[in-house]
Each structure stands twice: as C-alpha cells, then as structure tokens.
Amino acid sequence: MIEEMSKISIEKISESKISTVDFSNIVFGKQFSDHMFVADYKDGKWSNLKIVPFAPIEISPACAALHYGQSIFEGMKAYKGVNNETLLFRPYDNARRLNISAKRMCMPEIPEEIFMEGLTQLLKLDSEWVPKNEGSSLYIRPFMFASEQLLGVRPSEEYKFMIFTAPVNSYYSQAVNVKIETHYSRATEGGVGFAKAAGNYAAALYPAKLGQDAGYQQLIWTDSVNHEYIEESGTMNVMFHIGDKLITPNLDFKTTLAGITRDSVLTLAKEMGIIIEERRVSVTEIIDAAKKGLLKDVFGTGTAATIAQVASITFKDERFELPPISERELSNKISHALDDIKRGRVEDKHNWNYKI
C-alpha cells in the first residue's frame, strides 16, 4: 500500500557544499551531493516521503539489517546532455530490478511511482551536481534496508528506502589484469546471486583482496560446483570477443546479475551486425582461444565502469596478454555509442534516456 504521495516534503540544505568540490579531480564514491530522498515502510505501507540534506542517519544497534542482512541496492547514473539537460539512463529498469532483489530478500517492493518521483525531485534539486566534464557523471545509489529493532530471525516489518548521489569520474583509469578464480565462489544456484544484495559484495571482498595482493585488479568468477564455467568479472557481467562472435554467460542459472549495461551492450552489438551467443562459457574454451590468438577482446560491463577492458587473463599461473586497447574495435565502438546515447548526442532509438 502507498500512503498519499501527492507531495514529497523537501527540506533544503542551508548552504550547498558544491563549491568545495573539484570536479576535475573526483575520487569515486567519496564526495556526495547536497540532498537525499527517504521513504519509510511500516504497518504495511510506504509513507513519510521526504528529501532532506545529506547527513548520517540514526539507527538502533538492534537494526535488523545489521544482524540479518536484509539490504539491497541499485547503481545508476545521470549525465549532462548536449543541451545542458540532465539525462538518466534506463531508470525504470533499475526500479524493476530493485524489486526483483526485494522479492528474493523477502522485502517489500517499492512502488515505481515512489522510486521515480523521489528520484526526479532529488535530481531537480541537485541538478548542478551533475558534472559537465566528459567522462564524468552523477552516480545514483538507491537502496533499501530492514530498519526494525529486531533480534529474532524473521523478515523485518519495517524498512527504509533511500536515494543519494555522488559526482564521479571513471571507475577504472586503464585496462585491468584479472585472474580466473578456481577456489572461492561468488554465488550458487538457488542462492541470491541474481539479486543486488549487499551480502553478495561482502562475500566477494576477501578473495578479491587476495587477488589484488597478487597484482590482479579483479577476479573472473566461476561456477561454485567445479569452477568450469565463467559467470562474472568482479562486480560486472563479462563478455568475450572470439572470432566474429560476442560471447557472454547466460542468466539461466540465476547466479549472476541481469545487468542493464549488459543488455544495452548486447542490443547495440546486434544492431552492429555482431553474432551474439548467450550461453554457458567454459574456462577451457576461453583459454584455448587465448592460446590460439583468437581472443580479440575481453571486457566487463556495469554501471560504474560502463565498459572495463581487460588487459590480461591469468589462469593457474599462466598469463595471457590481450591485444592493445587501441586495436579493440568492438568494445571501443560500443563504448562510444553508449556514451553518445547517454549524453544525447545521437538519436535515442530505444527510449533509454529519461529527461529530468
């Protein structure tokens, strides 16, 4: 149920922090915009919709999310268009995916109208925080967590939904070196790998740190049974350009996130005449292609980085260097095409952009 949402109360910050930000030198995820949107779920309904100054929130030490992990989030971006308008990329898809995560984590769905109206009003208020620099954007973090004071293993009856934003530059400054993980697992069939649940990321931190300590920026995750099939790269979907085909793991096993950037890349690649294969992708297949010189490109797709190109793949201490970035025609072409759409430089044939 939704309590009347004809009006979102707005409390503006007394003095903006924007003058303290060097938009040419932004550390990803460290500086935050002036305001945030908040909604509360209690007694079976969403209410108390408000935009307030960005600030710490007060929670009980018995907050259910801290103990039992009911916490989900989304990642999305806003861009300055060629006419200085604020453009959101595929926000309705983020709203739908958040509710898929909510259902799996036994949390209430957030009505799409609350998600979109809160987001729209927040970005109208903080529109000056959307960077104008090429390569920069406003990262948007909608999230929901169980807020009930509860020591008892059951679904919470109270939740808080929030949205805040942060101006960002590129997530990766260069191509990354990755290692195929053969011991630790990110997700299992029947689990929550397809949900954007906070715990998925916590479980990945330790093996990712081990990889980073060994000189790899990211891991390529494999299936949890025999580590024979590739699933994701770090926190992104992963794609392989072999011969004349773009190959990516399918989503049938519910162990990977249905990436919005993933879908966008596949859509554009098809329009470019590229053969797409969504299927199980074996580690052996990729290593064989690398050994034979058939592996033209490997890249991750996700909101933070959009396209993160892979410099090298290591499997069982054997390292395979990939072609120079300048020679990677497909991923470069798709990356530029996506950027042109997001910034309104070309026709948005798919109606992906939402203008604030």
Protein backbone atom coordinates (compact mmCIF):
# COMPACT_ATOMS: atom_id res chain seq x y z
CA MET A 1 0.00 0.00 0.00
CA ILE A 2 1.04 3.61 -0.54
CA GLU A 3 0.06 6.40 1.77
CA GLU A 4 -0.84 9.55 -0.16
CA MET A 5 2.22 10.60 -2.12
CA SER A 6 0.81 13.71 -3.71
CA LYS A 7 3.58 15.64 -2.06
CA ILE A 8 7.16 14.90 -1.11
CA SER A 9 8.25 17.20 1.69
CA ILE A 10 11.51 19.00 0.90
CA GLU A 11 13.99 20.42 3.38
CA LYS A 12 16.77 22.24 1.57
CA ILE A 13 20.33 22.43 2.84
CA SER A 14 21.21 25.82 4.34
CA GLU A 15 24.38 26.14 2.25
CA SER A 16 25.44 23.94 -0.66
CA LYS A 17 28.75 22.05 -0.48
CA ILE A 18 29.23 22.20 -4.24
CA SER A 19 31.85 24.96 -4.11
CA THR A 20 34.17 22.64 -2.18
CA VAL A 21 34.27 20.04 -4.98
CA ASP A 22 36.98 19.94 -7.65
CA PHE A 23 35.00 18.35 -10.48
CA SER A 24 38.19 17.70 -12.47
CA ASN A 25 39.62 15.56 -9.68
CA ILE A 26 36.85 13.49 -8.10
CA VAL A 27 37.61 10.33 -6.12
CA PHE A 28 34.94 7.75 -6.99
CA GLY A 29 32.33 7.41 -4.26
CA LYS A 30 33.88 9.80 -1.73
CA GLN A 31 32.01 13.07 -2.27
CA PHE A 32 28.25 13.33 -2.02
CA SER A 33 25.64 15.77 -3.23
CA ASP A 34 23.57 18.04 -1.01
CA HIS A 35 20.36 16.06 -0.55
CA MET A 36 18.88 12.57 -0.21
CA PHE A 37 15.42 11.05 -0.63
CA VAL A 38 13.93 8.94 2.18
CA ALA A 39 10.78 6.81 2.48
CA ASP A 40 9.68 4.56 5.35
CA TYR A 41 7.77 1.28 5.28
CA LYS A 42 5.71 0.48 8.37
CA ASP A 43 2.35 -1.15 9.07
CA GLY A 44 2.26 -2.50 5.52
CA LYS A 45 2.58 0.82 3.69
CA TRP A 46 5.14 3.31 2.37
CA SER A 47 4.91 6.79 3.88
CA ASN A 48 6.90 9.76 5.19
CA LEU A 49 8.32 10.64 1.76
CA LYS A 50 10.88 13.41 2.06
CA ILE A 51 14.00 14.99 0.65
CA VAL A 52 16.43 16.21 3.31
CA PRO A 53 20.06 17.35 3.48
CA PHE A 54 22.56 14.51 3.07
CA ALA A 55 23.58 13.53 6.58
CA PRO A 56 24.17 10.50 8.82
CA ILE A 57 21.05 8.56 9.76
CA GLU A 58 20.18 7.27 13.20
CA ILE A 59 19.61 3.54 13.59
CA SER A 60 19.28 1.24 16.58
CA PRO A 61 22.07 -1.20 17.46
CA ALA A 62 19.31 -3.80 17.06
CA CYS A 63 18.58 -2.70 13.47
CA ALA A 64 17.62 -5.90 11.66
CA ALA A 65 19.76 -5.19 8.58
CA LEU A 66 22.91 -5.14 10.70
CA HIS A 67 22.23 -8.60 12.06
CA TYR A 68 20.35 -10.47 9.36
CA GLY A 69 21.48 -8.83 6.14
CA GLN A 70 18.25 -7.62 4.56
CA SER A 71 19.87 -4.92 2.44
CA ILE A 72 19.69 -4.32 -1.31
CA PHE A 73 20.75 -1.53 -3.64
CA GLU A 74 20.96 -0.28 -7.20
CA GLY A 75 23.51 1.71 -9.18
CA MET A 76 22.64 4.15 -11.93
CA LYS A 77 23.94 7.36 -13.48
CA ALA A 78 22.80 10.77 -14.67
CA TYR A 79 24.61 12.72 -17.41
CA LYS A 80 24.62 16.26 -18.73
CA GLY A 81 23.26 16.24 -22.27
CA VAL A 82 24.38 18.39 -25.16
CA ASN A 83 21.67 20.94 -24.33
CA ASN A 84 22.70 21.01 -20.65
CA GLU A 85 19.71 18.88 -19.66
CA THR A 86 20.00 16.12 -17.05
CA LEU A 87 19.58 12.66 -18.59
CA LEU A 88 19.04 9.46 -16.62
CA PHE A 89 19.95 6.19 -18.32
CA ARG A 90 17.24 3.48 -18.12
CA PRO A 91 15.94 4.31 -14.61
CA TYR A 92 12.76 2.25 -14.97
CA ASP A 93 14.92 -0.84 -15.44
CA ASN A 94 16.68 -0.08 -12.17
CA ALA A 95 13.33 0.28 -10.41
CA ARG A 96 12.20 -3.09 -11.73
CA ARG A 97 15.46 -4.80 -10.82
CA LEU A 98 15.39 -3.38 -7.29
CA ASN A 99 12.01 -5.03 -6.80
CA ILE A 100 13.32 -8.36 -8.11
CA SER A 101 16.01 -8.14 -5.43
CA ALA A 102 13.43 -7.11 -2.82
CA LYS A 103 11.24 -10.11 -3.54
CA ARG A 104 14.16 -12.57 -3.24
CA MET A 105 15.31 -10.97 0.02
CA CYS A 106 11.78 -11.08 1.50
CA MET A 107 11.45 -7.29 1.49
CA PRO A 108 8.54 -5.11 0.35
CA GLU A 109 8.63 -3.82 -3.21
CA ILE A 110 9.00 -0.09 -3.68
CA PRO A 111 6.22 1.24 -5.94
CA GLU A 112 7.64 2.50 -9.23
CA GLU A 113 5.92 5.86 -8.82
CA ILE A 114 7.68 6.45 -5.47
CA PHE A 115 11.03 5.41 -6.93
CA MET A 116 10.70 7.65 -9.98
CA GLU A 117 9.13 10.67 -8.28
CA GLY A 118 11.67 10.64 -5.46
CA LEU A 119 14.48 10.29 -7.97
CA THR A 120 13.13 13.05 -10.22
CA GLN A 121 12.61 15.56 -7.42
CA LEU A 122 16.04 14.80 -5.94
CA LEU A 123 17.82 15.35 -9.25
CA LYS A 124 15.89 18.53 -9.95
CA LEU A 125 17.06 19.87 -6.61
CA ASP A 126 20.68 18.77 -7.10
CA SER A 127 20.93 19.25 -10.88
CA GLU A 128 24.08 21.38 -10.54
CA TRP A 129 25.86 18.35 -9.11
CA VAL A 130 25.72 16.51 -12.46
CA PRO A 131 29.25 17.01 -13.83
CA LYS A 132 29.66 18.61 -17.22
CA ASN A 133 33.14 17.17 -17.87
CA GLU A 134 33.48 14.43 -20.47
CA GLY A 135 33.99 11.09 -18.72
CA SER A 136 32.20 12.27 -15.57
CA SER A 137 28.66 11.63 -14.36
CA LEU A 138 26.44 11.67 -11.28
CA TYR A 139 26.35 8.23 -9.68
CA ILE A 140 23.00 7.45 -8.06
CA ARG A 141 22.57 4.95 -5.23
CA PRO A 142 19.01 3.83 -4.42
CA PHE A 143 18.96 1.31 -1.57
CA MET A 144 16.66 -0.35 0.95
CA PHE A 145 17.35 -1.94 4.31
CA ALA A 146 15.47 -3.54 7.19
CA SER A 147 15.12 -0.87 9.88
CA GLU A 148 13.10 -2.63 12.58
CA GLN A 149 14.67 -3.12 16.01
CA LEU A 150 14.77 -6.89 15.95
CA LEU A 151 16.77 -9.71 17.50
CA GLY A 152 14.99 -12.68 16.01
CA VAL A 153 15.42 -14.42 12.68
CA ARG A 154 12.39 -13.38 10.66
CA PRO A 155 11.70 -10.81 7.95
CA SER A 156 11.65 -7.28 9.28
CA GLU A 157 8.33 -5.48 9.36
CA GLU A 158 9.91 -2.04 8.89
CA TYR A 159 12.18 -0.78 6.08
CA LYS A 160 13.81 2.38 4.88
CA PHE A 161 14.28 3.26 1.20
CA MET A 162 16.76 5.99 0.32
CA ILE A 163 18.45 7.60 -2.68
CA PHE A 164 21.61 9.68 -2.58
CA THR A 165 24.04 10.75 -5.28
CA ALA A 166 27.74 11.36 -5.85
CA PRO A 167 29.62 13.05 -8.70
CA VAL A 168 32.19 10.63 -10.16
CA ASN A 169 34.88 10.26 -12.77
CA SER A 170 35.84 6.98 -14.46
CA TYR A 171 35.86 3.91 -12.22
CA TYR A 172 38.96 2.43 -13.88
CA SER A 173 41.68 4.63 -15.35
CA GLN A 174 43.08 1.82 -17.52
CA ALA A 175 42.53 -1.79 -18.59
CA VAL A 176 42.60 -4.30 -15.73
CA ASN A 177 44.51 -7.51 -15.12
CA VAL A 178 42.25 -10.35 -13.99
CA LYS A 179 42.64 -13.84 -12.61
CA ILE A 180 40.22 -16.72 -13.09
CA GLU A 181 39.10 -17.78 -9.61
CA THR A 182 39.18 -21.55 -9.06
CA HIS A 183 38.64 -21.84 -5.30
CA TYR A 184 36.24 -19.23 -3.92
CA SER A 185 32.70 -18.74 -5.22
CA ARG A 186 30.59 -15.62 -5.58
CA ALA A 187 27.19 -17.32 -5.79
CA THR A 188 25.46 -20.70 -6.04
CA GLU A 189 22.39 -21.95 -7.89
CA GLY A 190 19.33 -21.38 -5.74
CA GLY A 191 21.07 -18.56 -3.89
CA VAL A 192 20.87 -14.79 -4.25
CA GLY A 193 23.46 -14.23 -6.99
CA PHE A 194 20.89 -12.64 -9.30
CA ALA A 195 19.82 -10.14 -6.61
CA LYS A 196 21.73 -6.94 -5.93
CA ALA A 197 22.06 -7.87 -2.27
CA ALA A 198 24.73 -6.27 -0.09
CA GLY A 199 25.89 -9.67 1.16
CA ASN A 200 26.96 -10.75 -2.33
CA TYR A 201 29.54 -7.99 -2.35
CA ALA A 202 30.72 -8.71 1.20
CA ALA A 203 31.31 -12.36 0.31
CA ALA A 204 33.48 -11.34 -2.65
CA LEU A 205 35.76 -8.95 -0.74
CA TYR A 206 38.20 -11.47 0.75
CA PRO A 207 39.00 -13.44 -2.43
CA ALA A 208 39.14 -10.15 -4.36
CA LYS A 209 41.68 -8.80 -1.84
CA LEU A 210 43.79 -11.93 -2.21
CA GLY A 211 43.78 -11.33 -5.96
CA GLN A 212 44.66 -7.66 -5.55
CA ASP A 213 47.53 -8.56 -3.22
CA ALA A 214 48.85 -10.80 -6.02
CA GLY A 215 48.63 -7.98 -8.59
CA TYR A 216 45.18 -8.52 -10.14
CA GLN A 217 42.61 -5.72 -10.17
CA GLN A 218 39.69 -8.15 -10.46
CA LEU A 219 38.68 -11.81 -10.48
CA ILE A 220 36.71 -13.75 -13.06
CA TRP A 221 34.21 -15.74 -11.04
CA THR A 222 33.40 -19.32 -12.00
CA ASP A 223 30.60 -21.72 -11.06
CA SER A 224 30.58 -22.98 -7.48
CA VAL A 225 30.38 -26.69 -8.37
CA ASN A 226 33.53 -27.43 -10.37
CA HIS A 227 34.78 -23.97 -11.36
CA GLU A 228 34.45 -24.99 -15.00
CA TYR A 229 32.19 -22.21 -16.28
CA ILE A 230 32.61 -18.45 -16.22
CA GLU A 231 29.98 -16.30 -14.55
CA GLU A 232 31.08 -12.71 -13.87
CA SER A 233 34.15 -10.49 -13.75
CA GLY A 234 34.45 -8.75 -10.41
CA THR A 235 31.16 -6.92 -9.90
CA MET A 236 30.37 -6.87 -13.62
CA ASN A 237 28.99 -9.06 -16.36
CA VAL A 238 31.74 -10.23 -18.71
CA MET A 239 31.96 -10.58 -22.49
CA PHE A 240 34.42 -12.28 -24.84
CA HIS A 241 35.03 -11.34 -28.46
CA ILE A 242 36.20 -14.51 -30.21
CA GLY A 243 36.42 -14.58 -33.99
CA ASP A 244 33.26 -12.90 -35.30
CA LYS A 245 31.19 -13.59 -32.17
CA LEU A 246 30.50 -11.80 -28.91
CA ILE A 247 30.02 -14.47 -26.25
CA THR A 248 28.69 -13.92 -22.73
CA PRO A 249 27.43 -16.21 -19.94
CA ASN A 250 23.66 -16.63 -19.97
CA LEU A 251 21.47 -15.81 -16.99
CA ASP A 252 19.61 -19.12 -16.79
CA PHE A 253 21.26 -20.32 -13.58
CA LYS A 254 20.32 -17.23 -11.54
CA THR A 255 23.87 -16.84 -10.24
CA THR A 256 24.64 -13.55 -12.00
CA LEU A 257 23.01 -10.15 -12.10
CA ALA A 258 20.91 -9.24 -15.12
CA GLY A 259 22.98 -6.19 -15.96
CA ILE A 260 21.29 -3.18 -17.55
CA THR A 261 24.59 -2.21 -19.19
CA ARG A 262 24.93 -5.84 -20.31
CA ASP A 263 21.57 -5.68 -22.06
CA SER A 264 22.44 -2.31 -23.62
CA VAL A 265 25.76 -3.63 -24.97
CA LEU A 266 24.14 -6.74 -26.46
CA THR A 267 21.41 -4.64 -28.07
CA LEU A 268 23.92 -2.31 -29.73
CA ALA A 269 26.21 -5.18 -30.78
CA LYS A 270 23.31 -6.91 -32.54
CA GLU A 271 22.50 -3.69 -34.38
CA MET A 272 26.14 -3.55 -35.48
CA GLY A 273 25.76 -6.99 -37.07
CA ILE A 274 27.75 -8.90 -34.44
CA ILE A 275 26.79 -12.52 -33.78
CA ILE A 276 25.73 -12.83 -30.13
CA GLU A 277 25.91 -16.04 -28.10
CA GLU A 278 24.42 -16.09 -24.61
CA ARG A 279 25.28 -19.49 -23.16
CA ARG A 280 27.49 -21.34 -20.72
CA VAL A 281 31.08 -20.29 -21.33
CA SER A 282 33.76 -22.73 -20.21
CA VAL A 283 37.12 -21.70 -18.85
CA THR A 284 38.74 -24.19 -21.23
CA GLU A 285 37.13 -22.52 -24.24
CA ILE A 286 38.45 -19.09 -23.28
CA ILE A 287 41.97 -20.30 -22.51
CA ASP A 288 42.11 -22.28 -25.77
CA ALA A 289 41.04 -19.18 -27.70
CA ALA A 290 43.71 -17.12 -25.94
CA LYS A 291 46.39 -19.70 -26.75
CA LYS A 292 45.39 -19.73 -30.42
CA GLY A 293 45.28 -15.93 -30.69
CA LEU A 294 41.54 -15.91 -31.36
CA LEU A 295 40.58 -13.95 -28.25
CA LYS A 296 40.25 -10.41 -29.63
CA ASP A 297 38.79 -8.74 -26.57
CA VAL A 298 37.51 -9.30 -23.03
CA PHE A 299 35.57 -6.65 -21.15
CA GLY A 300 33.29 -6.24 -18.18
CA THR A 301 30.01 -4.32 -18.35
CA GLY A 302 28.42 -2.47 -15.45
CA THR A 303 27.05 0.87 -14.31
CA ALA A 304 30.16 2.13 -12.53
CA ALA A 305 32.65 1.47 -15.33
CA THR A 306 30.24 1.01 -18.29
CA ILE A 307 32.88 -0.99 -20.20
CA ALA A 308 36.02 -2.12 -18.37
CA GLN A 309 38.53 -3.61 -20.78
CA VAL A 310 40.73 -6.47 -19.61
CA ALA A 311 44.48 -6.23 -20.23
CA SER A 312 45.38 -9.81 -19.30
CA ILE A 313 43.84 -13.04 -18.01
CA THR A 314 45.71 -15.38 -15.67
CA PHE A 315 44.67 -18.99 -15.21
CA LYS A 316 46.62 -21.31 -12.91
CA ASP A 317 49.71 -19.06 -13.04
CA GLU A 318 49.65 -18.85 -16.85
CA ARG A 319 49.13 -15.28 -18.05
CA PHE A 320 47.59 -14.36 -21.40
CA GLU A 321 48.01 -10.81 -22.69
CA LEU A 322 45.18 -9.38 -24.78
CA PRO A 323 45.53 -7.04 -27.78
CA PRO A 324 46.25 -3.35 -27.10
CA ILE A 325 43.20 -1.25 -26.27
CA SER A 326 43.67 0.80 -29.44
CA GLU A 327 43.15 -2.33 -31.56
CA ARG A 328 39.87 -3.37 -29.92
CA GLU A 329 37.39 -2.18 -32.48
CA LEU A 330 34.20 -3.67 -31.00
CA SER A 331 34.38 -2.64 -27.33
CA ASN A 332 35.65 0.82 -28.25
CA LYS A 333 32.85 1.27 -30.78
CA ILE A 334 30.16 0.15 -28.33
CA SER A 335 31.59 2.29 -25.54
CA HIS A 336 31.49 5.41 -27.73
CA ALA A 337 27.97 4.56 -28.96
CA LEU A 338 26.68 4.19 -25.40
CA ASP A 339 28.29 7.45 -24.33
CA ASP A 340 26.75 9.28 -27.29
CA ILE A 341 23.29 7.99 -26.37
CA LYS A 342 23.65 8.81 -22.67
CA ARG A 343 24.68 12.38 -23.45
CA GLY A 344 22.03 12.97 -26.09
CA ARG A 345 24.48 13.37 -28.96
CA VAL A 346 22.64 10.85 -31.14
CA GLU A 347 19.06 9.69 -31.53
CA ASP A 348 17.87 7.56 -28.60
CA LYS A 349 16.07 4.90 -30.66
CA HIS A 350 15.38 2.69 -27.66
CA ASN A 351 13.97 5.42 -25.38
CA TRP A 352 16.62 4.63 -22.79
CA ASN A 353 17.07 8.21 -21.59
CA TYR A 354 14.76 9.85 -19.07
CA LYS A 355 14.98 13.63 -19.09
CA ILE A 356 14.74 15.47 -15.78
